[in-house]
PDB file of all heavy atoms in Angstrom:
ATOM      1  N   GLU A   1      10.926  -0.705  -3.826  1.00  0.00           N
ATOM      2  CA  GLU A   1      10.382  -1.539  -4.893  1.00  0.00           C
ATOM      3  C   GLU A   1       9.489  -2.610  -4.306  1.00  0.00           C
ATOM      4  O   GLU A   1       9.587  -2.952  -3.133  1.00  0.00           O
ATOM      5  CB  GLU A   1      11.523  -2.181  -5.692  1.00  0.00           C
ATOM      6  CG  GLU A   1      12.395  -1.208  -6.441  1.00  0.00           C
ATOM      7  CD  GLU A   1      13.486  -1.905  -7.223  1.00  0.00           C
ATOM      8  OE1 GLU A   1      13.619  -3.138  -7.081  1.00  0.00           O
ATOM      9  OE2 GLU A   1      14.203  -1.225  -7.984  1.00  0.00           O
ATOM     10  N   GLY A   2       8.621  -3.164  -5.153  1.00  0.00           N
ATOM     11  CA  GLY A   2       7.722  -4.230  -4.712  1.00  0.00           C
ATOM     12  C   GLY A   2       6.279  -3.917  -5.057  1.00  0.00           C
ATOM     13  O   GLY A   2       5.988  -2.934  -5.748  1.00  0.00           O
ATOM     14  N   TYR A   3       5.394  -4.752  -4.561  1.00  0.00           N
ATOM     15  CA  TYR A   3       3.969  -4.605  -4.874  1.00  0.00           C
ATOM     16  C   TYR A   3       3.111  -4.364  -3.638  1.00  0.00           C
ATOM     17  O   TYR A   3       1.922  -4.114  -3.757  1.00  0.00           O
ATOM     18  CB  TYR A   3       3.478  -5.847  -5.635  1.00  0.00           C
ATOM     19  CG  TYR A   3       4.194  -5.996  -6.957  1.00  0.00           C
ATOM     20  CD1 TYR A   3       5.254  -6.884  -7.103  1.00  0.00           C
ATOM     21  CD2 TYR A   3       3.832  -5.217  -8.044  1.00  0.00           C
ATOM     22  CE1 TYR A   3       5.921  -7.013  -8.309  1.00  0.00           C
ATOM     23  CE2 TYR A   3       4.490  -5.328  -9.266  1.00  0.00           C
ATOM     24  CZ  TYR A   3       5.534  -6.235  -9.388  1.00  0.00           C
ATOM     25  OH  TYR A   3       6.203  -6.333 -10.579  1.00  0.00           O
ATOM     26  N   GLU A   4       3.719  -4.451  -2.456  1.00  0.00           N
ATOM     27  CA  GLU A   4       3.059  -4.021  -1.233  1.00  0.00           C
ATOM     28  C   GLU A   4       3.477  -2.581  -0.965  1.00  0.00           C
ATOM     29  O   GLU A   4       4.632  -2.213  -1.201  1.00  0.00           O
ATOM     30  CB  GLU A   4       3.447  -4.908  -0.052  1.00  0.00           C
ATOM     31  CG  GLU A   4       3.041  -6.360  -0.222  1.00  0.00           C
ATOM     32  CD  GLU A   4       3.479  -7.219   0.951  1.00  0.00           C
ATOM     33  OE1 GLU A   4       3.151  -6.855   2.094  1.00  0.00           O
ATOM     34  OE2 GLU A   4       4.159  -8.229   0.717  1.00  0.00           O
ATOM     35  N   ALA A   5       2.542  -1.768  -0.481  1.00  0.00           N
ATOM     36  CA  ALA A   5       2.846  -0.340  -0.368  1.00  0.00           C
ATOM     37  C   ALA A   5       2.251   0.267   0.885  1.00  0.00           C
ATOM     38  O   ALA A   5       1.229  -0.186   1.399  1.00  0.00           O
ATOM     39  CB  ALA A   5       2.329   0.405  -1.604  1.00  0.00           C
ATOM     40  N   GLU A   6       2.911   1.315   1.346  1.00  0.00           N
ATOM     41  CA  GLU A   6       2.404   2.143   2.436  1.00  0.00           C
ATOM     42  C   GLU A   6       2.323   3.584   1.944  1.00  0.00           C
ATOM     43  O   GLU A   6       3.261   4.085   1.325  1.00  0.00           O
ATOM     44  CB  GLU A   6       3.322   2.060   3.652  1.00  0.00           C
ATOM     45  CG  GLU A   6       3.390   0.670   4.261  1.00  0.00           C
ATOM     46  CD  GLU A   6       4.399   0.591   5.393  1.00  0.00           C
ATOM     47  OE1 GLU A   6       5.202   1.544   5.548  1.00  0.00           O
ATOM     48  OE2 GLU A   6       4.391  -0.418   6.121  1.00  0.00           O
ATOM     49  N   VAL A   7       1.194   4.217   2.219  1.00  0.00           N
ATOM     50  CA  VAL A   7       1.010   5.625   1.873  1.00  0.00           C
ATOM     51  C   VAL A   7       1.333   6.480   3.098  1.00  0.00           C
ATOM     52  O   VAL A   7       0.888   6.175   4.214  1.00  0.00           O
ATOM     53  CB  VAL A   7      -0.426   5.897   1.381  1.00  0.00           C
ATOM     54  CG1 VAL A   7      -0.720   7.396   1.328  1.00  0.00           C
ATOM     55  CG2 VAL A   7      -0.633   5.285   0.005  1.00  0.00           C
ATOM     56  N   TYR A   8       2.089   7.546   2.870  1.00  0.00           N
ATOM     57  CA  TYR A   8       2.452   8.484   3.927  1.00  0.00           C
ATOM     58  C   TYR A   8       2.073   9.897   3.503  1.00  0.00           C
ATOM     59  O   TYR A   8       2.037  10.219   2.317  1.00  0.00           O
ATOM     60  CB  TYR A   8       3.965   8.450   4.182  1.00  0.00           C
ATOM     61  CG  TYR A   8       4.456   7.217   4.882  1.00  0.00           C
ATOM     62  CD1 TYR A   8       4.682   6.048   4.166  1.00  0.00           C
ATOM     63  CD2 TYR A   8       4.696   7.216   6.251  1.00  0.00           C
ATOM     64  CE1 TYR A   8       5.138   4.901   4.788  1.00  0.00           C
ATOM     65  CE2 TYR A   8       5.153   6.075   6.886  1.00  0.00           C
ATOM     66  CZ  TYR A   8       5.372   4.919   6.158  1.00  0.00           C
ATOM     67  OH  TYR A   8       5.824   3.787   6.793  1.00  0.00           O
ATOM     68  N   ASP A   9       1.790  10.730   4.510  1.00  0.00           N
ATOM     69  CA  ASP A   9       1.768  12.171   4.282  1.00  0.00           C
ATOM     70  C   ASP A   9       2.829  12.790   5.196  1.00  0.00           C
ATOM     71  O   ASP A   9       3.610  12.059   5.824  1.00  0.00           O
ATOM     72  CB  ASP A   9       0.370  12.764   4.503  1.00  0.00           C
ATOM     73  CG  ASP A   9      -0.159  12.560   5.920  1.00  0.00           C
ATOM     74  OD1 ASP A   9       0.663  12.285   6.836  1.00  0.00           O
ATOM     75  OD2 ASP A   9      -1.374  12.679   6.136  1.00  0.00           O
ATOM     76  N   LYS A  10       2.887  14.096   5.302  1.00  0.00           N
ATOM     77  CA  LYS A  10       3.946  14.733   6.089  1.00  0.00           C
ATOM     78  C   LYS A  10       3.858  14.417   7.575  1.00  0.00           C
ATOM     79  O   LYS A  10       4.831  14.608   8.323  1.00  0.00           O
ATOM     80  CB  LYS A  10       3.900  16.243   5.875  1.00  0.00           C
ATOM     81  CG  LYS A  10       2.611  16.910   6.314  1.00  0.00           C
ATOM     82  CD  LYS A  10       2.599  18.371   5.925  1.00  0.00           C
ATOM     83  CE  LYS A  10       1.292  19.042   6.320  1.00  0.00           C
ATOM     84  NZ  LYS A  10       1.246  20.456   5.883  1.00  0.00           N
ATOM     85  N   ARG A  11       2.700  13.885   8.025  1.00  0.00           N
ATOM     86  CA  ARG A  11       2.545  13.546   9.443  1.00  0.00           C
ATOM     87  C   ARG A  11       2.878  12.091   9.734  1.00  0.00           C
ATOM     88  O   ARG A  11       2.989  11.701  10.887  1.00  0.00           O
ATOM     89  CB  ARG A  11       1.114  13.851   9.896  1.00  0.00           C
ATOM     90  CG  ARG A  11       0.817  15.334  10.060  1.00  0.00           C
ATOM     91  CD  ARG A  11      -0.654  15.607  10.276  1.00  0.00           C
ATOM     92  NE  ARG A  11      -1.418  15.278   9.088  1.00  0.00           N
ATOM     93  CZ  ARG A  11      -1.569  16.107   8.047  1.00  0.00           C
ATOM     94  NH1 ARG A  11      -0.987  17.293   8.055  1.00  0.00           N
ATOM     95  NH2 ARG A  11      -2.286  15.754   7.003  1.00  0.00           N
ATOM     96  N   GLY A  12       2.961  11.249   8.681  1.00  0.00           N
ATOM     97  CA  GLY A  12       3.300   9.856   8.909  1.00  0.00           C
ATOM     98  C   GLY A  12       2.435   8.881   8.135  1.00  0.00           C
ATOM     99  O   GLY A  12       1.815   9.233   7.114  1.00  0.00           O
ATOM    100  N   PHE A  13       2.353   7.646   8.629  1.00  0.00           N
ATOM    101  CA  PHE A  13       1.659   6.552   7.957  1.00  0.00           C
ATOM    102  C   PHE A  13       0.156   6.848   7.810  1.00  0.00           C
ATOM    103  O   PHE A  13      -0.491   7.305   8.746  1.00  0.00           O
ATOM    104  CB  PHE A  13       1.861   5.263   8.750  1.00  0.00           C
ATOM    105  CG  PHE A  13       1.100   4.078   8.223  1.00  0.00           C
ATOM    106  CD1 PHE A  13       1.575   3.357   7.139  1.00  0.00           C
ATOM    107  CD2 PHE A  13      -0.091   3.682   8.820  1.00  0.00           C
ATOM    108  CE1 PHE A  13       0.878   2.251   6.653  1.00  0.00           C
ATOM    109  CE2 PHE A  13      -0.789   2.588   8.348  1.00  0.00           C
ATOM    110  CZ  PHE A  13      -0.308   1.873   7.265  1.00  0.00           C
ATOM    111  N   VAL A  14      -0.375   6.539   6.624  1.00  0.00           N
ATOM    112  CA  VAL A  14      -1.798   6.754   6.335  1.00  0.00           C
ATOM    113  C   VAL A  14      -2.523   5.438   6.088  1.00  0.00           C
ATOM    114  O   VAL A  14      -3.553   5.159   6.696  1.00  0.00           O
ATOM    115  CB  VAL A  14      -1.990   7.685   5.113  1.00  0.00           C
ATOM    116  CG1 VAL A  14      -3.481   7.806   4.756  1.00  0.00           C
ATOM    117  CG2 VAL A  14      -1.394   9.052   5.385  1.00  0.00           C
ATOM    118  N   ALA A  15      -2.008   4.596   5.181  1.00  0.00           N
ATOM    119  CA  ALA A  15      -2.740   3.378   4.800  1.00  0.00           C
ATOM    120  C   ALA A  15      -1.790   2.372   4.164  1.00  0.00           C
ATOM    121  O   ALA A  15      -0.682   2.701   3.720  1.00  0.00           O
ATOM    122  CB  ALA A  15      -3.858   3.723   3.832  1.00  0.00           C
ATOM    123  N   PHE A  16      -2.268   1.146   4.131  1.00  0.00           N
ATOM    124  CA  PHE A  16      -1.538   0.019   3.554  1.00  0.00           C
ATOM    125  C   PHE A  16      -2.286  -0.491   2.327  1.00  0.00           C
ATOM    126  O   PHE A  16      -3.517  -0.460   2.279  1.00  0.00           O
ATOM    127  CB  PHE A  16      -1.418  -1.089   4.603  1.00  0.00           C
ATOM    128  CG  PHE A  16      -0.918  -2.406   4.072  1.00  0.00           C
ATOM    129  CD1 PHE A  16       0.416  -2.563   3.739  1.00  0.00           C
ATOM    130  CD2 PHE A  16      -1.780  -3.477   3.916  1.00  0.00           C
ATOM    131  CE1 PHE A  16       0.878  -3.777   3.246  1.00  0.00           C
ATOM    132  CE2 PHE A  16      -1.323  -4.695   3.440  1.00  0.00           C
ATOM    133  CZ  PHE A  16       0.013  -4.843   3.095  1.00  0.00           C
ATOM    134  N   GLY A  17      -1.545  -0.947   1.306  1.00  0.00           N
ATOM    135  CA  GLY A  17      -2.211  -1.463   0.120  1.00  0.00           C
ATOM    136  C   GLY A  17      -1.235  -2.045  -0.878  1.00  0.00           C
ATOM    137  O   GLY A  17      -0.156  -2.524  -0.505  1.00  0.00           O
ATOM    138  N   THR A  18      -1.619  -2.012  -2.145  1.00  0.00           N
ATOM    139  CA  THR A  18      -0.777  -2.559  -3.202  1.00  0.00           C
ATOM    140  C   THR A  18      -0.323  -1.456  -4.140  1.00  0.00           C
ATOM    141  O   THR A  18      -0.966  -0.411  -4.261  1.00  0.00           O
ATOM    142  CB  THR A  18      -1.533  -3.641  -4.009  1.00  0.00           C
ATOM    143  OG1 THR A  18      -2.666  -3.046  -4.667  1.00  0.00           O
ATOM    144  CG2 THR A  18      -1.990  -4.772  -3.102  1.00  0.00           C
ATOM    145  N   TYR A  19       0.791  -1.717  -4.839  1.00  0.00           N
ATOM    146  CA  TYR A  19       1.389  -0.730  -5.730  1.00  0.00           C
ATOM    147  C   TYR A  19       1.530  -1.308  -7.125  1.00  0.00           C
ATOM    148  O   TYR A  19       2.101  -2.391  -7.315  1.00  0.00           O
ATOM    149  CB  TYR A  19       2.763  -0.320  -5.194  1.00  0.00           C
ATOM    150  CG  TYR A  19       3.493   0.676  -6.066  1.00  0.00           C
ATOM    151  CD1 TYR A  19       3.047   1.990  -6.182  1.00  0.00           C
ATOM    152  CD2 TYR A  19       4.638   0.304  -6.769  1.00  0.00           C
ATOM    153  CE1 TYR A  19       3.722   2.912  -6.975  1.00  0.00           C
ATOM    154  CE2 TYR A  19       5.329   1.213  -7.560  1.00  0.00           C
ATOM    155  CZ  TYR A  19       4.851   2.523  -7.667  1.00  0.00           C
ATOM    156  OH  TYR A  19       5.523   3.432  -8.448  1.00  0.00           O
ATOM    157  N   SER A  20       0.979  -0.601  -8.121  1.00  0.00           N
ATOM    158  CA  SER A  20       1.097  -0.997  -9.529  1.00  0.00           C
ATOM    159  C   SER A  20       2.010   0.006 -10.229  1.00  0.00           C
ATOM    160  O   SER A  20       1.575   1.129 -10.528  1.00  0.00           O
ATOM    161  CB  SER A  20      -0.279  -1.013 -10.203  1.00  0.00           C
ATOM    162  OG  SER A  20      -1.122  -1.989  -9.649  1.00  0.00           O
ATOM    163  N   PRO A  21       3.249  -0.352 -10.517  1.00  0.00           N
ATOM    164  CA  PRO A  21       4.227   0.630 -10.992  1.00  0.00           C
ATOM    165  C   PRO A  21       3.931   1.236 -12.358  1.00  0.00           C
ATOM    166  O   PRO A  21       4.417   2.324 -12.662  1.00  0.00           O
ATOM    167  CB  PRO A  21       5.541  -0.163 -11.016  1.00  0.00           C
ATOM    168  CG  PRO A  21       5.128  -1.594 -11.083  1.00  0.00           C
ATOM    169  CD  PRO A  21       3.850  -1.690 -10.322  1.00  0.00           C
ATOM    170  N   ASN A  22       3.138   0.549 -13.192  1.00  0.00           N
ATOM    171  CA  ASN A  22       2.898   1.040 -14.550  1.00  0.00           C
ATOM    172  C   ASN A  22       1.451   1.444 -14.804  1.00  0.00           C
ATOM    173  O   ASN A  22       1.097   1.796 -15.931  1.00  0.00           O
ATOM    174  CB  ASN A  22       3.311  -0.031 -15.569  1.00  0.00           C
ATOM    175  CG  ASN A  22       4.778  -0.399 -15.442  1.00  0.00           C
ATOM    176  OD1 ASN A  22       5.636   0.468 -15.399  1.00  0.00           O
ATOM    177  ND2 ASN A  22       5.057  -1.690 -15.354  1.00  0.00           N
ATOM    178  N   SER A  23       0.628   1.390 -13.782  1.00  0.00           N
ATOM    179  CA  SER A  23      -0.798   1.659 -13.943  1.00  0.00           C
ATOM    180  C   SER A  23      -1.125   3.114 -13.641  1.00  0.00           C
ATOM    181  O   SER A  23      -0.430   3.781 -12.863  1.00  0.00           O
ATOM    182  CB  SER A  23      -1.601   0.756 -13.011  1.00  0.00           C
ATOM    183  OG  SER A  23      -2.969   1.101 -13.012  1.00  0.00           O
ATOM    184  N   ARG A  24      -2.197   3.603 -14.251  1.00  0.00           N
ATOM    185  CA  ARG A  24      -2.718   4.924 -13.877  1.00  0.00           C
ATOM    186  C   ARG A  24      -3.140   4.928 -12.426  1.00  0.00           C
ATOM    187  O   ARG A  24      -2.983   5.913 -11.715  1.00  0.00           O
ATOM    188  CB  ARG A  24      -3.914   5.268 -14.780  1.00  0.00           C
ATOM    189  CG  ARG A  24      -4.479   6.662 -14.574  1.00  0.00           C
ATOM    190  CD  ARG A  24      -5.568   6.939 -15.590  1.00  0.00           C
ATOM    191  NE  ARG A  24      -6.730   6.089 -15.358  1.00  0.00           N
ATOM    192  CZ  ARG A  24      -7.804   6.462 -14.664  1.00  0.00           C
ATOM    193  NH1 ARG A  24      -7.863   7.670 -14.115  1.00  0.00           N
ATOM    194  NH2 ARG A  24      -8.815   5.639 -14.513  1.00  0.00           N
ATOM    195  N   ILE A  25      -3.698   3.782 -11.947  1.00  0.00           N
ATOM    196  CA  ILE A  25      -4.044   3.616 -10.536  1.00  0.00           C
ATOM    197  C   ILE A  25      -2.830   2.984  -9.850  1.00  0.00           C
ATOM    198  O   ILE A  25      -2.627   1.777  -9.913  1.00  0.00           O
ATOM    199  CB  ILE A  25      -5.288   2.717 -10.366  1.00  0.00           C
ATOM    200  CG1 ILE A  25      -6.453   3.251 -11.190  1.00  0.00           C
ATOM    201  CG2 ILE A  25      -5.672   2.620  -8.888  1.00  0.00           C
ATOM    202  CD1 ILE A  25      -7.623   2.288 -11.292  1.00  0.00           C
ATOM    203  N   ARG A  26      -2.026   3.802  -9.193  1.00  0.00           N
ATOM    204  CA  ARG A  26      -0.772   3.298  -8.626  1.00  0.00           C
ATOM    205  C   ARG A  26      -0.985   2.577  -7.294  1.00  0.00           C
ATOM    206  O   ARG A  26      -0.320   1.595  -7.004  1.00  0.00           O
ATOM    207  CB  ARG A  26       0.221   4.453  -8.438  1.00  0.00           C
ATOM    208  CG  ARG A  26       0.734   5.035  -9.732  1.00  0.00           C
ATOM    209  CD  ARG A  26       1.601   4.043 -10.490  1.00  0.00           C
ATOM    210  NE  ARG A  26       1.831   4.453 -11.858  1.00  0.00           N
ATOM    211  CZ  ARG A  26       2.838   5.215 -12.250  1.00  0.00           C
ATOM    212  NH1 ARG A  26       3.704   5.674 -11.367  1.00  0.00           N
ATOM    213  NH2 ARG A  26       2.979   5.521 -13.525  1.00  0.00           N
ATOM    214  N   PHE A  27      -1.890   3.081  -6.475  1.00  0.00           N
ATOM    215  CA  PHE A  27      -2.099   2.512  -5.139  1.00  0.00           C
ATOM    216  C   PHE A  27      -3.548   2.075  -4.993  1.00  0.00           C
ATOM    217  O   PHE A  27      -4.475   2.812  -5.354  1.00  0.00           O
ATOM    218  CB  PHE A  27      -1.769   3.537  -4.055  1.00  0.00           C
ATOM    219  CG  PHE A  27      -2.062   3.078  -2.649  1.00  0.00           C
ATOM    220  CD1 PHE A  27      -1.173   2.270  -1.968  1.00  0.00           C
ATOM    221  CD2 PHE A  27      -3.243   3.456  -2.013  1.00  0.00           C
ATOM    222  CE1 PHE A  27      -1.441   1.841  -0.664  1.00  0.00           C
ATOM    223  CE2 PHE A  27      -3.519   3.037  -0.719  1.00  0.00           C
ATOM    224  CZ  PHE A  27      -2.622   2.228  -0.040  1.00  0.00           C
ATOM    225  N   ARG A  28      -3.740   0.849  -4.466  1.00  0.00           N
ATOM    226  CA  ARG A  28      -5.073   0.343  -4.148  1.00  0.00           C
ATOM    227  C   ARG A  28      -5.125   0.012  -2.659  1.00  0.00           C
ATOM    228  O   ARG A  28      -4.325  -0.759  -2.153  1.00  0.00           O
ATOM    229  CB  ARG A  28      -5.420  -0.894  -4.979  1.00  0.00           C
ATOM    230  CG  ARG A  28      -5.706  -0.593  -6.452  1.00  0.00           C
ATOM    231  CD  ARG A  28      -5.937  -1.873  -7.233  1.00  0.00           C
ATOM    232  NE  ARG A  28      -6.496  -1.631  -8.544  1.00  0.00           N
ATOM    233  CZ  ARG A  28      -5.799  -1.338  -9.629  1.00  0.00           C
ATOM    234  NH1 ARG A  28      -4.474  -1.242  -9.533  1.00  0.00           N
ATOM    235  NH2 ARG A  28      -6.389  -1.141 -10.797  1.00  0.00           N
ATOM    236  N   PHE A  29      -6.082   0.585  -1.984  1.00  0.00           N
ATOM    237  CA  PHE A  29      -6.215   0.487  -0.525  1.00  0.00           C
ATOM    238  C   PHE A  29      -6.587  -0.926  -0.080  1.00  0.00           C
ATOM    239  O   PHE A  29      -7.484  -1.561  -0.640  1.00  0.00           O
ATOM    240  CB  PHE A  29      -7.297   1.477  -0.089  1.00  0.00           C
ATOM    241  CG  PHE A  29      -7.661   1.422   1.368  1.00  0.00           C
ATOM    242  CD1 PHE A  29      -6.960   2.166   2.297  1.00  0.00           C
ATOM    243  CD2 PHE A  29      -8.732   0.642   1.803  1.00  0.00           C
ATOM    244  CE1 PHE A  29      -7.309   2.134   3.644  1.00  0.00           C
ATOM    245  CE2 PHE A  29      -9.079   0.604   3.138  1.00  0.00           C
ATOM    246  CZ  PHE A  29      -8.362   1.347   4.066  1.00  0.00           C
ATOM    247  N   LEU A  30      -5.901  -1.385   0.982  1.00  0.00           N
ATOM    248  CA  LEU A  30      -6.249  -2.656   1.632  1.00  0.00           C
ATOM    249  C   LEU A  30      -6.666  -2.465   3.086  1.00  0.00           C
ATOM    250  O   LEU A  30      -7.438  -3.262   3.613  1.00  0.00           O
ATOM    251  CB  LEU A  30      -5.077  -3.635   1.578  1.00  0.00           C
ATOM    252  CG  LEU A  30      -4.680  -4.174   0.202  1.00  0.00           C
ATOM    253  CD1 LEU A  30      -3.456  -5.075   0.333  1.00  0.00           C
ATOM    254  CD2 LEU A  30      -5.825  -4.913  -0.472  1.00  0.00           C
ATOM    255  N   GLY A  31      -6.160  -1.432   3.746  1.00  0.00           N
ATOM    256  CA  GLY A  31      -6.520  -1.237   5.140  1.00  0.00           C
ATOM    257  C   GLY A  31      -5.694  -0.133   5.790  1.00  0.00           C
ATOM    258  O   GLY A  31      -4.774   0.422   5.192  1.00  0.00           O
ATOM    259  N   PHE A  32      -6.036   0.137   7.044  1.00  0.00           N
ATOM    260  CA  PHE A  32      -5.341   1.166   7.803  1.00  0.00           C
ATOM    261  C   PHE A  32      -4.269   0.584   8.719  1.00  0.00           C
ATOM    262  O   PHE A  32      -3.636   1.302   9.483  1.00  0.00           O
ATOM    263  CB  PHE A  32      -6.339   1.975   8.635  1.00  0.00           C
ATOM    264  CG  PHE A  32      -7.228   2.859   7.802  1.00  0.00           C
ATOM    265  CD1 PHE A  32      -8.607   2.711   7.847  1.00  0.00           C
ATOM    266  CD2 PHE A  32      -6.689   3.836   6.981  1.00  0.00           C
ATOM    267  CE1 PHE A  32      -9.427   3.524   7.087  1.00  0.00           C
ATOM    268  CE2 PHE A  32      -7.502   4.652   6.217  1.00  0.00           C
ATOM    269  CZ  PHE A  32      -8.873   4.495   6.270  1.00  0.00           C
ATOM    270  N   GLU A  33      -4.091  -0.741   8.664  1.00  0.00           N
ATOM    271  CA  GLU A  33      -3.041  -1.383   9.446  1.00  0.00           C
ATOM    272  C   GLU A  33      -2.155  -2.201   8.525  1.00  0.00           C
ATOM    273  O   GLU A  33      -2.621  -2.830   7.583  1.00  0.00           O
ATOM    274  CB  GLU A  33      -3.657  -2.303  10.519  1.00  0.00           C
ATOM    275  CG  GLU A  33      -4.469  -1.566  11.574  1.00  0.00           C
ATOM    276  CD  GLU A  33      -5.010  -2.515  12.635  1.00  0.00           C
ATOM    277  OE1 GLU A  33      -4.661  -3.715  12.572  1.00  0.00           O
ATOM    278  OE2 GLU A  33      -5.756  -2.055  13.503  1.00  0.00           O
ATOM    279  N   ARG A  34      -0.878  -2.209   8.800  1.00  0.00           N
ATOM    280  CA  ARG A  34       0.063  -2.989   8.009  1.00  0.00           C
ATOM    281  C   ARG A  34      -0.193  -4.473   8.224  1.00  0.00           C
ATOM    282  O   ARG A  34      -0.359  -4.936   9.353  1.00  0.00           O
ATOM    283  CB  ARG A  34       1.498  -2.647   8.418  1.00  0.00           C
ATOM    284  CG  ARG A  34       1.886  -1.194   8.213  1.00  0.00           C
ATOM    285  CD  ARG A  34       3.270  -0.963   8.770  1.00  0.00           C
ATOM    286  NE  ARG A  34       3.753   0.400   8.593  1.00  0.00           N
ATOM    287  CZ  ARG A  34       3.553   1.383   9.465  1.00  0.00           C
ATOM    288  NH1 ARG A  34       2.879   1.136  10.591  1.00  0.00           N
ATOM    289  NH2 ARG A  34       4.038   2.588   9.239  1.00  0.00           N
ATOM    290  N   GLU A  35      -0.222  -5.234   7.133  1.00  0.00           N
ATOM    291  CA  GLU A  35      -0.384  -6.684   7.218  1.00  0.00           C
ATOM    292  C   GLU A  35       0.576  -7.340   6.239  1.00  0.00           C
ATOM    293  O   GLU A  35       0.984  -6.739   5.241  1.00  0.00           O
ATOM    294  CB  GLU A  35      -1.815  -7.098   6.865  1.00  0.00           C
ATOM    295  CG  GLU A  35      -2.877  -6.616   7.832  1.00  0.00           C
ATOM    296  CD  GLU A  35      -4.237  -7.195   7.501  1.00  0.00           C
ATOM    297  OE1 GLU A  35      -4.411  -8.415   7.638  1.00  0.00           O
ATOM    298  OE2 GLU A  35      -5.120  -6.414   7.095  1.00  0.00           O
ATOM    299  N   ARG A  36       0.892  -8.576   6.503  1.00  0.00           N
ATOM    300  CA  ARG A  36       1.692  -9.349   5.571  1.00  0.00           C
ATOM    301  C   ARG A  36       0.744 -10.053   4.598  1.00  0.00           C
ATOM    302  O   ARG A  36      -0.193 -10.736   5.017  1.00  0.00           O
ATOM    303  CB  ARG A  36       2.533 -10.385   6.329  1.00  0.00           C
ATOM    304  CG  ARG A  36       3.458 -11.178   5.423  1.00  0.00           C
ATOM    305  CD  ARG A  36       4.284 -12.165   6.209  1.00  0.00           C
ATOM    306  NE  ARG A  36       5.139 -12.942   5.326  1.00  0.00           N
ATOM    307  CZ  ARG A  36       5.903 -13.948   5.722  1.00  0.00           C
ATOM    308  NH1 ARG A  36       5.920 -14.306   7.011  1.00  0.00           N
ATOM    309  NH2 ARG A  36       6.652 -14.607   4.861  1.00  0.00           N
ATOM    310  N   ILE A  37       0.982  -9.862   3.303  1.00  0.00           N
ATOM    311  CA  ILE A  37       0.108 -10.474   2.304  1.00  0.00           C
ATOM    312  C   ILE A  37       0.575 -11.893   2.026  1.00  0.00           C
ATOM    313  O   ILE A  37       1.671 -12.133   1.498  1.00  0.00           O
ATOM    314  CB  ILE A  37       0.095  -9.643   1.005  1.00  0.00           C
ATOM    315  CG1 ILE A  37      -0.475  -8.249   1.278  1.00  0.00           C
ATOM    316  CG2 ILE A  37      -0.731 -10.347  -0.063  1.00  0.00           C
ATOM    317  CD1 ILE A  37      -0.530  -7.345   0.064  1.00  0.00           C
ATOM    318  N   ASN A  38      -0.263 -12.848   2.422  1.00  0.00           N
ATOM    319  CA  ASN A  38      -0.003 -14.269   2.197  1.00  0.00           C
ATOM    320  C   ASN A  38      -1.342 -14.998   2.162  1.00  0.00           C
ATOM    321  O   ASN A  38      -2.406 -14.365   2.122  1.00  0.00           O
ATOM    322  CB  ASN A  38       0.922 -14.834   3.290  1.00  0.00           C
ATOM    323  CG  ASN A  38       0.398 -14.543   4.694  1.00  0.00           C
ATOM    324  OD1 ASN A  38      -0.804 -14.368   4.905  1.00  0.00           O
ATOM    325  ND2 ASN A  38       1.303 -14.484   5.666  1.00  0.00           N
ATOM    326  N   GLY A  39      -1.301 -16.312   2.188  1.00  0.00           N
ATOM    327  CA  GLY A  39      -2.542 -17.082   2.145  1.00  0.00           C
ATOM    328  C   GLY A  39      -3.448 -16.799   3.326  1.00  0.00           C
ATOM    329  O   GLY A  39      -4.675 -16.728   3.183  1.00  0.00           O
ATOM    330  N   ASP A  40      -2.872 -16.615   4.500  1.00  0.00           N
ATOM    331  CA  ASP A  40      -3.671 -16.325   5.690  1.00  0.00           C
ATOM    332  C   ASP A  40      -4.372 -14.973   5.573  1.00  0.00           C
ATOM    333  O   ASP A  40      -5.507 -14.809   6.042  1.00  0.00           O
ATOM    334  CB  ASP A  40      -2.777 -16.340   6.937  1.00  0.00           C
ATOM    335  CG  ASP A  40      -2.269 -17.735   7.278  1.00  0.00           C
ATOM    336  OD1 ASP A  40      -2.900 -18.711   6.841  1.00  0.00           O
ATOM    337  OD2 ASP A  40      -1.235 -17.836   7.964  1.00  0.00           O
TER     338      ASP A  40
END
């Protein structure tokens, strides 16, 4: 659960982004590296 998300395929990690649980667009891309979403 949450609003930060990681996309995976059968080989492993693909991308980092946000997750909208009720939207037609469930995942929005932010980057290819995991980051902590904060003011910085």
